[in-house]
Amino acid sequence: ITNMLRSYISSYRDLPVYVYQFQNKLRNELRAKSGIMR
């Protein structure tokens, strides 16, 4: 996201920027014993 915003932020007039998303994350957890809590 920081790299992407290099294309859109160059001046103080371009700030602030607040962005969010809902997305599936993938993490190679050593333990996965807490159901959907981990």
PDB file of all heavy atoms in Angstrom:
ATOM      1  N   ILE A   1       0.835  -1.205   0.000  1.00  0.00           N
ATOM      2  CA  ILE A   1       0.000   0.000   0.000  1.00  0.00           C
ATOM      3  C   ILE A   1       0.871   1.256   0.000  1.00  0.00           C
ATOM      4  O   ILE A   1       0.589   2.231  -0.706  1.00  0.00           O
ATOM      5  CB  ILE A   1      -0.984  -0.016   1.184  1.00  0.00           C
ATOM      6  CG1 ILE A   1      -2.118  -0.999   0.879  1.00  0.00           C
ATOM      7  CG2 ILE A   1      -1.537   1.370   1.472  1.00  0.00           C
ATOM      8  CD1 ILE A   1      -3.197  -1.077   1.928  1.00  0.00           C
ATOM      9  N   THR A   2       1.960   1.239   0.777  1.00  0.00           N
ATOM     10  CA  THR A   2       2.878   2.387   0.779  1.00  0.00           C
ATOM     11  C   THR A   2       3.488   2.583  -0.599  1.00  0.00           C
ATOM     12  O   THR A   2       3.575   3.713  -1.108  1.00  0.00           O
ATOM     13  CB  THR A   2       3.991   2.182   1.823  1.00  0.00           C
ATOM     14  OG1 THR A   2       3.403   2.095   3.125  1.00  0.00           O
ATOM     15  CG2 THR A   2       4.982   3.338   1.803  1.00  0.00           C
ATOM     16  N   ASN A   3       3.898   1.498  -1.228  1.00  0.00           N
ATOM     17  CA  ASN A   3       4.482   1.588  -2.564  1.00  0.00           C
ATOM     18  C   ASN A   3       3.462   2.109  -3.565  1.00  0.00           C
ATOM     19  O   ASN A   3       3.782   2.945  -4.425  1.00  0.00           O
ATOM     20  CB  ASN A   3       4.994   0.219  -2.993  1.00  0.00           C
ATOM     21  CG  ASN A   3       5.713   0.249  -4.323  1.00  0.00           C
ATOM     22  OD1 ASN A   3       6.731   0.923  -4.476  1.00  0.00           O
ATOM     23  ND2 ASN A   3       5.188  -0.472  -5.298  1.00  0.00           N
ATOM     24  N   MET A   4       2.222   1.631  -3.469  1.00  0.00           N
ATOM     25  CA  MET A   4       1.168   2.092  -4.380  1.00  0.00           C
ATOM     26  C   MET A   4       0.944   3.599  -4.260  1.00  0.00           C
ATOM     27  O   MET A   4       0.774   4.306  -5.270  1.00  0.00           O
ATOM     28  CB  MET A   4      -0.132   1.358  -4.073  1.00  0.00           C
ATOM     29  CG  MET A   4      -1.327   1.800  -4.930  1.00  0.00           C
ATOM     30  SD  MET A   4      -2.887   1.093  -4.363  1.00  0.00           S
ATOM     31  CE  MET A   4      -3.146   2.016  -2.847  1.00  0.00           C
ATOM     32  N   LEU A   5       0.977   4.107  -3.029  1.00  0.00           N
ATOM     33  CA  LEU A   5       0.665   5.522  -2.820  1.00  0.00           C
ATOM     34  C   LEU A   5       1.769   6.463  -3.292  1.00  0.00           C
ATOM     35  O   LEU A   5       1.566   7.675  -3.350  1.00  0.00           O
ATOM     36  CB  LEU A   5       0.332   5.778  -1.349  1.00  0.00           C
ATOM     37  CG  LEU A   5      -1.046   5.242  -0.931  1.00  0.00           C
ATOM     38  CD1 LEU A   5      -1.314   5.484   0.538  1.00  0.00           C
ATOM     39  CD2 LEU A   5      -2.153   5.881  -1.768  1.00  0.00           C
ATOM     40  N   ARG A   6       2.915   5.910  -3.670  1.00  0.00           N
ATOM     41  CA  ARG A   6       3.934   6.750  -4.318  1.00  0.00           C
ATOM     42  C   ARG A   6       3.389   7.333  -5.615  1.00  0.00           C
ATOM     43  O   ARG A   6       3.833   8.383  -6.075  1.00  0.00           O
ATOM     44  CB  ARG A   6       5.184   5.928  -4.606  1.00  0.00           C
ATOM     45  CG  ARG A   6       5.943   5.480  -3.357  1.00  0.00           C
ATOM     46  CD  ARG A   6       7.073   4.533  -3.707  1.00  0.00           C
ATOM     47  NE  ARG A   6       8.033   5.160  -4.610  1.00  0.00           N
ATOM     48  CZ  ARG A   6       8.800   4.510  -5.463  1.00  0.00           C
ATOM     49  NH1 ARG A   6       8.704   3.190  -5.571  1.00  0.00           N
ATOM     50  NH2 ARG A   6       9.643   5.155  -6.231  1.00  0.00           N
ATOM     51  N   SER A   7       2.406   6.649  -6.213  1.00  0.00           N
ATOM     52  CA  SER A   7       1.810   7.134  -7.462  1.00  0.00           C
ATOM     53  C   SER A   7       0.770   8.219  -7.230  1.00  0.00           C
ATOM     54  O   SER A   7       0.329   8.864  -8.183  1.00  0.00           O
ATOM     55  CB  SER A   7       1.148   5.959  -8.212  1.00  0.00           C
ATOM     56  OG  SER A   7       2.091   4.973  -8.549  1.00  0.00           O
ATOM     57  N   TYR A   8       0.377   8.437  -5.965  1.00  0.00           N
ATOM     58  CA  TYR A   8      -0.738   9.351  -5.685  1.00  0.00           C
ATOM     59  C   TYR A   8      -0.400  10.456  -4.689  1.00  0.00           C
ATOM     60  O   TYR A   8      -1.161  11.414  -4.549  1.00  0.00           O
ATOM     61  CB  TYR A   8      -1.936   8.547  -5.163  1.00  0.00           C
ATOM     62  CG  TYR A   8      -2.386   7.482  -6.129  1.00  0.00           C
ATOM     63  CD1 TYR A   8      -1.987   6.152  -5.975  1.00  0.00           C
ATOM     64  CD2 TYR A   8      -3.185   7.810  -7.230  1.00  0.00           C
ATOM     65  CE1 TYR A   8      -2.378   5.180  -6.869  1.00  0.00           C
ATOM     66  CE2 TYR A   8      -3.582   6.835  -8.129  1.00  0.00           C
ATOM     67  CZ  TYR A   8      -3.176   5.524  -7.948  1.00  0.00           C
ATOM     68  OH  TYR A   8      -3.558   4.566  -8.850  1.00  0.00           O
ATOM     69  N   ILE A   9       0.721  10.334  -3.985  1.00  0.00           N
ATOM     70  CA  ILE A   9       1.102  11.359  -3.009  1.00  0.00           C
ATOM     71  C   ILE A   9       2.414  11.995  -3.440  1.00  0.00           C
ATOM     72  O   ILE A   9       3.428  11.312  -3.612  1.00  0.00           O
ATOM     73  CB  ILE A   9       1.279  10.735  -1.597  1.00  0.00           C
ATOM     74  CG1 ILE A   9      -0.050  10.223  -1.056  1.00  0.00           C
ATOM     75  CG2 ILE A   9       1.881  11.766  -0.633  1.00  0.00           C
ATOM     76  CD1 ILE A   9       0.077   9.472   0.260  1.00  0.00           C
ATOM     77  N   SER A  10       2.389  13.299  -3.616  1.00  0.00           N
ATOM     78  CA  SER A  10       3.619  14.042  -3.915  1.00  0.00           C
ATOM     79  C   SER A  10       3.649  15.390  -3.214  1.00  0.00           C
ATOM     80  O   SER A  10       4.714  15.939  -2.962  1.00  0.00           O
ATOM     81  CB  SER A  10       3.768  14.250  -5.432  1.00  0.00           C
ATOM     82  OG  SER A  10       2.646  14.967  -5.946  1.00  0.00           O
ATOM     83  N   SER A  11       2.455  15.920  -2.870  1.00  0.00           N
ATOM     84  CA  SER A  11       2.333  17.247  -2.268  1.00  0.00           C
ATOM     85  C   SER A  11       1.571  17.168  -0.948  1.00  0.00           C
ATOM     86  O   SER A  11       0.837  16.205  -0.694  1.00  0.00           O
ATOM     87  CB  SER A  11       1.594  18.179  -3.238  1.00  0.00           C
ATOM     88  OG  SER A  11       1.128  19.340  -2.597  1.00  0.00           O
ATOM     89  N   TYR A  12       1.751  18.212  -0.139  1.00  0.00           N
ATOM     90  CA  TYR A  12       0.980  18.304   1.115  1.00  0.00           C
ATOM     91  C   TYR A  12      -0.512  18.330   0.829  1.00  0.00           C
ATOM     92  O   TYR A  12      -1.329  17.949   1.674  1.00  0.00           O
ATOM     93  CB  TYR A  12       1.411  19.545   1.901  1.00  0.00           C
ATOM     94  CG  TYR A  12       1.028  20.862   1.263  1.00  0.00           C
ATOM     95  CD1 TYR A  12      -0.162  21.513   1.602  1.00  0.00           C
ATOM     96  CD2 TYR A  12       1.851  21.472   0.309  1.00  0.00           C
ATOM     97  CE1 TYR A  12      -0.526  22.723   1.014  1.00  0.00           C
ATOM     98  CE2 TYR A  12       1.497  22.668  -0.278  1.00  0.00           C
ATOM     99  CZ  TYR A  12       0.316  23.294   0.079  1.00  0.00           C
ATOM    100  OH  TYR A  12      -0.036  24.487  -0.504  1.00  0.00           O
ATOM    101  N   ARG A  13      -0.880  18.763  -0.363  1.00  0.00           N
ATOM    102  CA  ARG A  13      -2.301  18.800  -0.736  1.00  0.00           C
ATOM    103  C   ARG A  13      -2.890  17.388  -0.873  1.00  0.00           C
ATOM    104  O   ARG A  13      -4.106  17.216  -0.841  1.00  0.00           O
ATOM    105  CB  ARG A  13      -2.486  19.561  -2.050  1.00  0.00           C
ATOM    106  CG  ARG A  13      -2.132  21.044  -1.981  1.00  0.00           C
ATOM    107  CD  ARG A  13      -2.483  21.725  -3.297  1.00  0.00           C
ATOM    108  NE  ARG A  13      -2.165  23.153  -3.288  1.00  0.00           N
ATOM    109  CZ  ARG A  13      -0.999  23.661  -3.654  1.00  0.00           C
ATOM    110  NH1 ARG A  13      -0.029  22.840  -4.088  1.00  0.00           N
ATOM    111  NH2 ARG A  13      -0.786  24.967  -3.617  1.00  0.00           N
ATOM    112  N   ASP A  14      -2.024  16.393  -1.052  1.00  0.00           N
ATOM    113  CA  ASP A  14      -2.492  15.016  -1.234  1.00  0.00           C
ATOM    114  C   ASP A  14      -2.728  14.276   0.091  1.00  0.00           C
ATOM    115  O   ASP A  14      -3.181  13.130   0.090  1.00  0.00           O
ATOM    116  CB  ASP A  14      -1.471  14.214  -2.056  1.00  0.00           C
ATOM    117  CG  ASP A  14      -1.213  14.834  -3.417  1.00  0.00           C
ATOM    118  OD1 ASP A  14      -2.177  15.349  -4.022  1.00  0.00           O
ATOM    119  OD2 ASP A  14      -0.051  14.815  -3.871  1.00  0.00           O
ATOM    120  N   LEU A  15      -2.386  14.916   1.184  1.00  0.00           N
ATOM    121  CA  LEU A  15      -2.478  14.278   2.491  1.00  0.00           C
ATOM    122  C   LEU A  15      -3.572  14.911   3.342  1.00  0.00           C
ATOM    123  O   LEU A  15      -3.900  16.080   3.157  1.00  0.00           O
ATOM    124  CB  LEU A  15      -1.130  14.385   3.215  1.00  0.00           C
ATOM    125  CG  LEU A  15       0.019  13.596   2.571  1.00  0.00           C
ATOM    126  CD1 LEU A  15       1.348  13.993   3.188  1.00  0.00           C
ATOM    127  CD2 LEU A  15      -0.211  12.096   2.732  1.00  0.00           C
ATOM    128  N   PRO A  16      -4.158  14.178   4.273  1.00  0.00           N
ATOM    129  CA  PRO A  16      -3.858  12.791   4.622  1.00  0.00           C
ATOM    130  C   PRO A  16      -4.571  11.804   3.706  1.00  0.00           C
ATOM    131  O   PRO A  16      -5.508  12.159   2.996  1.00  0.00           O
ATOM    132  CB  PRO A  16      -4.402  12.675   6.050  1.00  0.00           C
ATOM    133  CG  PRO A  16      -5.604  13.586   6.037  1.00  0.00           C
ATOM    134  CD  PRO A  16      -5.190  14.759   5.165  1.00  0.00           C
ATOM    135  N   VAL A  17      -4.125  10.557   3.754  1.00  0.00           N
ATOM    136  CA  VAL A  17      -4.796   9.458   3.064  1.00  0.00           C
ATOM    137  C   VAL A  17      -5.053   8.354   4.088  1.00  0.00           C
ATOM    138  O   VAL A  17      -4.134   7.946   4.815  1.00  0.00           O
ATOM    139  CB  VAL A  17      -3.933   8.900   1.914  1.00  0.00           C
ATOM    140  CG1 VAL A  17      -4.557   7.626   1.345  1.00  0.00           C
ATOM    141  CG2 VAL A  17      -3.771   9.946   0.815  1.00  0.00           C
ATOM    142  N   TYR A  18      -6.300   7.884   4.144  1.00  0.00           N
ATOM    143  CA  TYR A  18      -6.676   6.772   5.023  1.00  0.00           C
ATOM    144  C   TYR A  18      -7.372   5.712   4.166  1.00  0.00           C
ATOM    145  O   TYR A  18      -8.393   6.007   3.526  1.00  0.00           O
ATOM    146  CB  TYR A  18      -7.632   7.228   6.132  1.00  0.00           C
ATOM    147  CG  TYR A  18      -7.199   8.472   6.872  1.00  0.00           C
ATOM    148  CD1 TYR A  18      -8.086   9.548   7.020  1.00  0.00           C
ATOM    149  CD2 TYR A  18      -5.918   8.583   7.421  1.00  0.00           C
ATOM    150  CE1 TYR A  18      -7.702  10.696   7.709  1.00  0.00           C
ATOM    151  CE2 TYR A  18      -5.529   9.717   8.102  1.00  0.00           C
ATOM    152  CZ  TYR A  18      -6.432  10.777   8.233  1.00  0.00           C
ATOM    153  OH  TYR A  18      -6.045  11.916   8.912  1.00  0.00           O
ATOM    154  N   VAL A  19      -6.823   4.514   4.129  1.00  0.00           N
ATOM    155  CA  VAL A  19      -7.406   3.448   3.310  1.00  0.00           C
ATOM    156  C   VAL A  19      -7.527   2.164   4.134  1.00  0.00           C
ATOM    157  O   VAL A  19      -6.741   1.926   5.056  1.00  0.00           O
ATOM    158  CB  VAL A  19      -6.570   3.172   2.043  1.00  0.00           C
ATOM    159  CG1 VAL A  19      -6.606   4.354   1.108  1.00  0.00           C
ATOM    160  CG2 VAL A  19      -5.126   2.824   2.400  1.00  0.00           C
ATOM    161  N   TYR A  20      -8.531   1.346   3.794  1.00  0.00           N
ATOM    162  CA  TYR A  20      -8.686   0.066   4.492  1.00  0.00           C
ATOM    163  C   TYR A  20      -9.253  -0.972   3.536  1.00  0.00           C
ATOM    164  O   TYR A  20      -9.767  -0.648   2.465  1.00  0.00           O
ATOM    165  CB  TYR A  20      -9.602   0.212   5.715  1.00  0.00           C
ATOM    166  CG  TYR A  20     -11.072   0.411   5.400  1.00  0.00           C
ATOM    167  CD1 TYR A  20     -11.953  -0.672   5.386  1.00  0.00           C
ATOM    168  CD2 TYR A  20     -11.596   1.679   5.118  1.00  0.00           C
ATOM    169  CE1 TYR A  20     -13.305  -0.497   5.111  1.00  0.00           C
ATOM    170  CE2 TYR A  20     -12.936   1.863   4.844  1.00  0.00           C
ATOM    171  CZ  TYR A  20     -13.787   0.779   4.843  1.00  0.00           C
ATOM    172  OH  TYR A  20     -15.126   0.947   4.553  1.00  0.00           O
ATOM    173  N   GLN A  21      -9.129  -2.224   3.944  1.00  0.00           N
ATOM    174  CA  GLN A  21      -9.651  -3.324   3.142  1.00  0.00           C
ATOM    175  C   GLN A  21     -10.080  -4.471   4.057  1.00  0.00           C
ATOM    176  O   GLN A  21      -9.682  -4.551   5.222  1.00  0.00           O
ATOM    177  CB  GLN A  21      -8.599  -3.825   2.161  1.00  0.00           C
ATOM    178  CG  GLN A  21      -7.373  -4.421   2.837  1.00  0.00           C
ATOM    179  CD  GLN A  21      -6.381  -5.010   1.857  1.00  0.00           C
ATOM    180  OE1 GLN A  21      -6.672  -5.227   0.693  1.00  0.00           O
ATOM    181  NE2 GLN A  21      -5.181  -5.286   2.325  1.00  0.00           N
ATOM    182  N   PHE A  22     -10.927  -5.348   3.513  1.00  0.00           N
ATOM    183  CA  PHE A  22     -11.221  -6.642   4.133  1.00  0.00           C
ATOM    184  C   PHE A  22     -10.582  -7.689   3.219  1.00  0.00           C
ATOM    185  O   PHE A  22     -10.887  -7.739   2.029  1.00  0.00           O
ATOM    186  CB  PHE A  22     -12.725  -6.888   4.227  1.00  0.00           C
ATOM    187  CG  PHE A  22     -13.436  -5.918   5.123  1.00  0.00           C
ATOM    188  CD1 PHE A  22     -14.084  -4.810   4.590  1.00  0.00           C
ATOM    189  CD2 PHE A  22     -13.474  -6.107   6.497  1.00  0.00           C
ATOM    190  CE1 PHE A  22     -14.750  -3.916   5.406  1.00  0.00           C
ATOM    191  CE2 PHE A  22     -14.136  -5.222   7.327  1.00  0.00           C
ATOM    192  CZ  PHE A  22     -14.777  -4.119   6.790  1.00  0.00           C
ATOM    193  N   GLN A  23      -9.703  -8.494   3.783  1.00  0.00           N
ATOM    194  CA  GLN A  23      -9.002  -9.446   2.921  1.00  0.00           C
ATOM    195  C   GLN A  23      -8.577 -10.678   3.697  1.00  0.00           C
ATOM    196  O   GLN A  23      -8.288 -10.596   4.892  1.00  0.00           O
ATOM    197  CB  GLN A  23      -7.763  -8.797   2.307  1.00  0.00           C
ATOM    198  CG  GLN A  23      -7.136  -9.638   1.204  1.00  0.00           C
ATOM    199  CD  GLN A  23      -5.833  -9.065   0.726  1.00  0.00           C
ATOM    200  OE1 GLN A  23      -4.849  -9.085   1.454  1.00  0.00           O
ATOM    201  NE2 GLN A  23      -5.817  -8.556  -0.507  1.00  0.00           N
ATOM    202  N   ASN A  24      -8.560 -11.809   3.021  1.00  0.00           N
ATOM    203  CA  ASN A  24      -8.016 -13.022   3.630  1.00  0.00           C
ATOM    204  C   ASN A  24      -6.498 -12.906   3.716  1.00  0.00           C
ATOM    205  O   ASN A  24      -5.833 -12.683   2.703  1.00  0.00           O
ATOM    206  CB  ASN A  24      -8.392 -14.258   2.812  1.00  0.00           C
ATOM    207  CG  ASN A  24      -9.792 -14.749   3.122  1.00  0.00           C
ATOM    208  OD1 ASN A  24     -10.606 -14.012   3.663  1.00  0.00           O
ATOM    209  ND2 ASN A  24     -10.058 -15.995   2.790  1.00  0.00           N
ATOM    210  N   LYS A  25      -5.966 -13.049   4.928  1.00  0.00           N
ATOM    211  CA  LYS A  25      -4.523 -13.062   5.136  1.00  0.00           C
ATOM    212  C   LYS A  25      -4.062 -14.508   5.274  1.00  0.00           C
ATOM    213  O   LYS A  25      -4.803 -15.384   5.743  1.00  0.00           O
ATOM    214  CB  LYS A  25      -4.153 -12.288   6.408  1.00  0.00           C
ATOM    215  CG  LYS A  25      -4.665 -10.864   6.445  1.00  0.00           C
ATOM    216  CD  LYS A  25      -4.058  -9.999   5.364  1.00  0.00           C
ATOM    217  CE  LYS A  25      -4.538  -8.557   5.520  1.00  0.00           C
ATOM    218  NZ  LYS A  25      -4.133  -7.713   4.390  1.00  0.00           N
ATOM    219  N   LEU A  26      -2.832 -14.754   4.889  1.00  0.00           N
ATOM    220  CA  LEU A  26      -2.247 -16.089   4.954  1.00  0.00           C
ATOM    221  C   LEU A  26      -0.997 -16.030   5.828  1.00  0.00           C
ATOM    222  O   LEU A  26      -0.045 -15.315   5.504  1.00  0.00           O
ATOM    223  CB  LEU A  26      -1.892 -16.579   3.550  1.00  0.00           C
ATOM    224  CG  LEU A  26      -3.059 -16.636   2.552  1.00  0.00           C
ATOM    225  CD1 LEU A  26      -2.556 -16.981   1.164  1.00  0.00           C
ATOM    226  CD2 LEU A  26      -4.093 -17.661   3.009  1.00  0.00           C
ATOM    227  N   ARG A  27      -1.016 -16.758   6.931  1.00  0.00           N
ATOM    228  CA  ARG A  27       0.125 -16.773   7.840  1.00  0.00           C
ATOM    229  C   ARG A  27       0.472 -18.206   8.218  1.00  0.00           C
ATOM    230  O   ARG A  27      -0.388 -18.965   8.640  1.00  0.00           O
ATOM    231  CB  ARG A  27      -0.169 -15.941   9.099  1.00  0.00           C
ATOM    232  CG  ARG A  27      -0.324 -14.454   8.785  1.00  0.00           C
ATOM    233  CD  ARG A  27      -0.506 -13.606  10.022  1.00  0.00           C
ATOM    234  NE  ARG A  27      -0.726 -12.208   9.649  1.00  0.00           N
ATOM    235  CZ  ARG A  27      -0.976 -11.225  10.515  1.00  0.00           C
ATOM    236  NH1 ARG A  27      -1.039 -11.494  11.813  1.00  0.00           N
ATOM    237  NH2 ARG A  27      -1.160  -9.991  10.086  1.00  0.00           N
ATOM    238  N   ASN A  28       1.741 -18.534   8.062  1.00  0.00           N
ATOM    239  CA  ASN A  28       2.219 -19.889   8.325  1.00  0.00           C
ATOM    240  C   ASN A  28       2.447 -20.071   9.829  1.00  0.00           C
ATOM    241  O   ASN A  28       3.580 -20.180  10.298  1.00  0.00           O
ATOM    242  CB  ASN A  28       3.505 -20.147   7.542  1.00  0.00           C
ATOM    243  CG  ASN A  28       3.872 -21.611   7.492  1.00  0.00           C
ATOM    244  OD1 ASN A  28       3.188 -22.459   8.055  1.00  0.00           O
ATOM    245  ND2 ASN A  28       4.973 -21.911   6.825  1.00  0.00           N
ATOM    246  N   GLU A  29       1.337 -20.102  10.566  1.00  0.00           N
ATOM    247  CA  GLU A  29       1.394 -20.209  12.022  1.00  0.00           C
ATOM    248  C   GLU A  29       1.905 -21.586  12.441  1.00  0.00           C
ATOM    249  O   GLU A  29       1.506 -22.608  11.882  1.00  0.00           O
ATOM    250  CB  GLU A  29       0.002 -19.980  12.633  1.00  0.00           C
ATOM    251  CG  GLU A  29      -0.585 -18.597  12.382  1.00  0.00           C
ATOM    252  CD  GLU A  29      -0.031 -17.534  13.324  1.00  0.00           C
ATOM    253  OE1 GLU A  29       0.865 -17.868  14.135  1.00  0.00           O
ATOM    254  OE2 GLU A  29      -0.488 -16.392  13.246  1.00  0.00           O
ATOM    255  N   LEU A  30       2.782 -21.594  13.444  1.00  0.00           N
ATOM    256  CA  LEU A  30       3.282 -22.856  13.972  1.00  0.00           C
ATOM    257  C   LEU A  30       2.167 -23.640  14.638  1.00  0.00           C
ATOM    258  O   LEU A  30       2.050 -24.855  14.485  1.00  0.00           O
ATOM    259  CB  LEU A  30       4.413 -22.598  14.973  1.00  0.00           C
ATOM    260  CG  LEU A  30       5.049 -23.833  15.619  1.00  0.00           C
ATOM    261  CD1 LEU A  30       5.710 -24.708  14.547  1.00  0.00           C
ATOM    262  CD2 LEU A  30       6.074 -23.417  16.672  1.00  0.00           C
ATOM    263  N   ARG A  31       1.291 -22.907  15.392  1.00  0.00           N
ATOM    264  CA  ARG A  31       0.181 -23.537  16.095  1.00  0.00           C
ATOM    265  C   ARG A  31      -1.134 -23.019  15.520  1.00  0.00           C
ATOM    266  O   ARG A  31      -1.276 -21.836  15.258  1.00  0.00           O
ATOM    267  CB  ARG A  31       0.234 -23.216  17.593  1.00  0.00           C
ATOM    268  CG  ARG A  31       1.433 -23.841  18.300  1.00  0.00           C
ATOM    269  CD  ARG A  31       1.485 -23.447  19.772  1.00  0.00           C
ATOM    270  NE  ARG A  31       1.659 -22.016  19.937  1.00  0.00           N
ATOM    271  CZ  ARG A  31       0.748 -21.207  20.461  1.00  0.00           C
ATOM    272  NH1 ARG A  31      -0.422 -21.695  20.842  1.00  0.00           N
ATOM    273  NH2 ARG A  31       0.982 -19.930  20.589  1.00  0.00           N
ATOM    274  N   ALA A  32      -2.066 -23.938  15.351  1.00  0.00           N
ATOM    275  CA  ALA A  32      -3.400 -23.542  14.874  1.00  0.00           C
ATOM    276  C   ALA A  32      -4.419 -24.397  15.609  1.00  0.00           C
ATOM    277  O   ALA A  32      -5.079 -25.246  15.031  1.00  0.00           O
ATOM    278  CB  ALA A  32      -3.504 -23.722  13.365  1.00  0.00           C
ATOM    279  N   LYS A  33      -4.523 -24.163  16.911  1.00  0.00           N
ATOM    280  CA  LYS A  33      -5.358 -25.000  17.766  1.00  0.00           C
ATOM    281  C   LYS A  33      -6.494 -24.240  18.446  1.00  0.00           C
ATOM    282  O   LYS A  33      -7.118 -24.762  19.347  1.00  0.00           O
ATOM    283  CB  LYS A  33      -4.487 -25.667  18.836  1.00  0.00           C
ATOM    284  CG  LYS A  33      -3.439 -26.621  18.289  1.00  0.00           C
ATOM    285  CD  LYS A  33      -2.632 -27.258  19.409  1.00  0.00           C
ATOM    286  CE  LYS A  33      -1.608 -28.221  18.867  1.00  0.00           C
ATOM    287  NZ  LYS A  33      -0.788 -28.842  19.951  1.00  0.00           N
ATOM    288  N   SER A  34      -6.748 -23.029  18.018  1.00  0.00           N
ATOM    289  CA  SER A  34      -7.775 -22.219  18.673  1.00  0.00           C
ATOM    290  C   SER A  34      -8.957 -21.932  17.761  1.00  0.00           C
ATOM    291  O   SER A  34      -9.589 -20.889  17.862  1.00  0.00           O
ATOM    292  CB  SER A  34      -7.153 -20.903  19.169  1.00  0.00           C
ATOM    293  OG  SER A  34      -6.145 -21.154  20.113  1.00  0.00           O
ATOM    294  N   GLY A  35      -9.241 -22.845  16.839  1.00  0.00           N
ATOM    295  CA  GLY A  35     -10.362 -22.633  15.933  1.00  0.00           C
ATOM    296  C   GLY A  35     -10.131 -21.418  15.060  1.00  0.00           C
ATOM    297  O   GLY A  35      -9.024 -21.180  14.573  1.00  0.00           O
ATOM    298  N   ILE A  36     -11.179 -20.621  14.873  1.00  0.00           N
ATOM    299  CA  ILE A  36     -11.031 -19.439  14.013  1.00  0.00           C
ATOM    300  C   ILE A  36     -10.408 -18.263  14.762  1.00  0.00           C
ATOM    301  O   ILE A  36     -10.286 -17.173  14.210  1.00  0.00           O
ATOM    302  CB  ILE A  36     -12.373 -19.023  13.379  1.00  0.00           C
ATOM    303  CG1 ILE A  36     -13.421 -18.657  14.447  1.00  0.00           C
ATOM    304  CG2 ILE A  36     -12.899 -20.133  12.483  1.00  0.00           C
ATOM    305  CD1 ILE A  36     -14.675 -18.040  13.851  1.00  0.00           C
ATOM    306  N   MET A  37      -9.994 -18.483  16.010  1.00  0.00           N
ATOM    307  CA  MET A  37      -9.280 -17.442  16.742  1.00  0.00           C
ATOM    308  C   MET A  37      -7.806 -17.375  16.358  1.00  0.00           C
ATOM    309  O   MET A  37      -7.139 -16.392  16.641  1.00  0.00           O
ATOM    310  CB  MET A  37      -9.434 -17.655  18.245  1.00  0.00           C
ATOM    311  CG  MET A  37     -10.827 -17.351  18.761  1.00  0.00           C
ATOM    312  SD  MET A  37     -11.076 -17.883  20.467  1.00  0.00           S
ATOM    313  CE  MET A  37      -9.793 -17.003  21.343  1.00  0.00           C
ATOM    314  N   ARG A  38      -7.285 -18.425  15.755  1.00  0.00           N
ATOM    315  CA  ARG A  38      -5.915 -18.390  15.228  1.00  0.00           C
ATOM    316  C   ARG A  38      -5.852 -19.293  14.009  1.00  0.00           C
ATOM    317  O   ARG A  38      -5.749 -20.517  14.133  1.00  0.00           O
ATOM    318  CB  ARG A  38      -4.880 -18.827  16.267  1.00  0.00           C
ATOM    319  CG  ARG A  38      -3.444 -18.814  15.711  1.00  0.00           C
ATOM    320  CD  ARG A  38      -2.417 -19.126  16.760  1.00  0.00           C
ATOM    321  NE  ARG A  38      -2.282 -18.057  17.714  1.00  0.00           N
ATOM    322  CZ  ARG A  38      -1.540 -16.973  17.534  1.00  0.00           C
ATOM    323  NH1 ARG A  38      -0.875 -16.801  16.399  1.00  0.00           N
ATOM    324  NH2 ARG A  38      -1.456 -16.048  18.468  1.00  0.00           N
TER     325      ARG A  38
END
